[in-house]
Amino acid sequence: MSLSIPERVRAARGAKNMSLDAFATAVQIGRTTLLRIESGDRAPKDHEIVRMAKASELPVAFFTVPDLDAALGGLEDPNLGERVEALEHRLDALAEATRADALDLLREALADLYPEQRPAHGATPSPGADQDPPTAAEGHAGA
């Protein structure tokens, strides 16, 4: 894998799912400067590479080694290859997720947030369960 520096910067930002503005802020550079780096119009300075590595949680070697395959193969950082592979799996899973899957996940998350509103397993609400109980005056009116 022979990625240019601009491609590596874009990949690092994308791996963290950060916008241009968010990544530029994390790296402490302007949005325009980041655009110029990602387009290849400007090379990143050494201190910017260090900040990019920190913001993307990647080793500095990801941005600097000539042979990225060697770095991914473990010569530079044995965990980087695993992290890239895990990211690829997560992206694949997201791409395969359907709207129904997303709704199921949302329902589960809401049920976890509001367990008191979840009916007992297998239970169905009784008729009128969503109505308020009669007040004392209403209860005596029909008696």
Protein backbone atom coordinates (compact mmCIF):
# COMPACT_ATOMS: atom_id res chain seq x y z
CA MET A 1 0.00 0.00 0.00
CA SER A 2 1.65 3.16 -1.15
CA LEU A 3 -0.40 6.11 0.03
CA SER A 4 0.77 9.67 -0.42
CA ILE A 5 0.92 11.97 2.59
CA PRO A 6 -2.33 13.73 1.58
CA GLU A 7 -4.06 10.35 1.25
CA ARG A 8 -2.76 9.28 4.65
CA VAL A 9 -4.02 12.50 6.25
CA ARG A 10 -7.48 12.02 4.69
CA ALA A 11 -7.50 8.36 5.75
CA ALA A 12 -6.54 9.25 9.32
CA ARG A 13 -9.26 11.89 9.53
CA GLY A 14 -11.79 9.54 7.97
CA ALA A 15 -10.86 6.73 10.35
CA LYS A 16 -11.88 8.97 13.25
CA ASN A 17 -14.95 10.16 11.34
CA MET A 18 -13.92 13.77 11.91
CA SER A 19 -14.97 16.73 9.83
CA LEU A 20 -12.38 19.04 8.31
CA ASP A 21 -13.15 21.62 10.98
CA ALA A 22 -12.94 19.15 13.87
CA PHE A 23 -9.66 17.64 12.66
CA ALA A 24 -8.15 21.06 11.95
CA THR A 25 -9.08 22.17 15.46
CA ALA A 26 -7.58 19.01 16.98
CA VAL A 27 -4.37 19.54 15.01
CA GLN A 28 -4.38 23.27 15.87
CA ILE A 29 -4.28 24.45 12.27
CA GLY A 30 -6.75 26.33 10.13
CA ARG A 31 -9.33 24.62 7.95
CA THR A 32 -7.72 26.08 4.82
CA THR A 33 -4.32 24.78 5.87
CA LEU A 34 -5.76 21.29 6.34
CA LEU A 35 -7.45 21.50 2.93
CA ARG A 36 -4.12 22.46 1.36
CA ILE A 37 -2.37 19.54 3.10
CA GLU A 38 -5.07 17.06 2.04
CA SER A 39 -4.96 18.30 -1.56
CA GLY A 40 -1.16 18.08 -1.69
CA ASP A 41 -0.67 21.82 -2.13
CA ARG A 42 1.24 22.04 1.16
CA ALA A 43 3.33 19.53 3.08
CA PRO A 44 2.55 19.16 6.78
CA LYS A 45 5.19 20.39 9.20
CA ASP A 46 6.73 17.95 11.66
CA HIS A 47 4.80 19.31 14.65
CA GLU A 48 1.56 19.10 12.63
CA ILE A 49 2.25 15.43 11.85
CA VAL A 50 2.73 14.75 15.56
CA ARG A 51 -0.61 16.45 16.30
CA MET A 52 -2.32 14.56 13.45
CA ALA A 53 -1.03 11.30 14.89
CA LYS A 54 -2.36 12.22 18.32
CA ALA A 55 -5.75 13.36 16.99
CA SER A 56 -6.18 10.20 14.88
CA GLU A 57 -4.69 7.88 17.52
CA LEU A 58 -2.24 6.56 14.94
CA PRO A 59 1.52 6.33 15.25
CA VAL A 60 3.60 9.11 13.69
CA ALA A 61 5.06 6.39 11.45
CA PHE A 62 1.68 6.11 9.68
CA PHE A 63 2.34 9.56 8.23
CA THR A 64 6.09 9.28 7.71
CA VAL A 65 7.30 5.79 6.75
CA PRO A 66 7.97 5.36 3.03
CA ASP A 67 6.74 1.75 3.09
CA LEU A 68 3.33 1.74 4.73
CA ASP A 69 3.03 -2.01 4.14
CA ALA A 70 6.01 -2.49 6.45
CA ALA A 71 4.34 -0.34 9.09
CA LEU A 72 1.05 -2.18 8.75
CA GLY A 73 2.89 -5.49 8.74
CA GLY A 74 4.07 -4.80 12.24
CA LEU A 75 7.60 -3.51 11.69
CA GLU A 76 6.65 -0.07 13.00
CA ASP A 77 3.59 -0.73 15.18
CA PRO A 78 2.22 -4.23 15.68
CA ASN A 79 -1.24 -2.93 16.66
CA LEU A 80 -1.78 -0.69 13.65
CA GLY A 81 -2.66 -3.51 11.25
CA GLU A 82 -5.19 -4.89 13.72
CA ARG A 83 -6.69 -1.44 14.23
CA VAL A 84 -7.01 -0.85 10.49
CA GLU A 85 -8.61 -4.29 10.04
CA ALA A 86 -11.05 -3.64 12.90
CA LEU A 87 -11.97 -0.29 11.35
CA GLU A 88 -12.60 -1.97 8.00
CA HIS A 89 -14.90 -4.50 9.70
CA ARG A 90 -16.82 -1.72 11.45
CA LEU A 91 -17.22 0.17 8.19
CA ASP A 92 -18.43 -3.00 6.44
CA ALA A 93 -20.95 -3.62 9.21
CA LEU A 94 -22.25 -0.07 8.94
CA ALA A 95 -22.57 -0.37 5.18
CA GLU A 96 -24.57 -3.57 5.54
CA ALA A 97 -26.86 -2.24 8.22
CA THR A 98 -30.40 -1.76 7.02
CA ARG A 99 -32.94 0.75 8.19
CA ALA A 100 -34.65 -2.00 10.18
CA ASP A 101 -31.37 -2.82 11.91
CA ALA A 102 -30.96 0.82 12.82
CA LEU A 103 -34.51 0.96 14.21
CA ASP A 104 -33.92 -2.22 16.24
CA LEU A 105 -30.74 -0.73 17.68
CA LEU A 106 -32.61 2.47 18.50
CA ARG A 107 -35.41 0.54 20.21
CA GLU A 108 -32.86 -1.41 22.27
CA ALA A 109 -31.07 1.78 23.25
CA LEU A 110 -34.32 3.44 24.27
CA ALA A 111 -35.37 0.35 26.23
CA ASP A 112 -32.04 0.45 28.05
CA LEU A 113 -32.52 4.14 28.83
CA TYR A 114 -36.12 3.72 29.99
CA PRO A 115 -36.43 0.19 31.42
CA GLU A 116 -39.43 1.14 33.55
CA GLN A 117 -41.49 1.62 30.37
CA ARG A 118 -40.64 -1.80 28.96
CA PRO A 119 -43.50 -4.35 29.34
CA ALA A 120 -42.55 -7.58 31.09
CA HIS A 121 -41.22 -10.22 28.72
CA GLY A 122 -44.16 -11.80 26.93
CA ALA A 123 -46.70 -9.58 28.69
CA THR A 124 -49.24 -7.61 26.75
CA PRO A 125 -50.79 -4.48 28.15
CA SER A 126 -54.29 -5.00 29.49
CA PRO A 127 -57.17 -3.03 27.95
CA GLY A 128 -57.34 0.42 29.43
CA ALA A 129 -53.86 0.10 30.93
CA ASP A 130 -52.91 3.36 29.32
CA GLN A 131 -55.84 5.19 31.01
CA ASP A 132 -55.64 6.93 34.35
CA PRO A 133 -57.39 5.16 37.26
CA PRO A 134 -60.71 6.67 38.30
CA THR A 135 -60.64 9.33 40.97
CA ALA A 136 -62.45 8.78 44.28
CA ALA A 137 -65.35 10.95 43.09
CA GLU A 138 -65.67 9.01 39.82
CA GLY A 139 -65.47 5.67 41.60
CA HIS A 140 -68.35 6.61 43.95
CA ALA A 141 -70.50 8.19 41.23
CA GLY A 142 -71.36 4.85 39.67
CA ALA A 143 -71.93 3.08 43.01
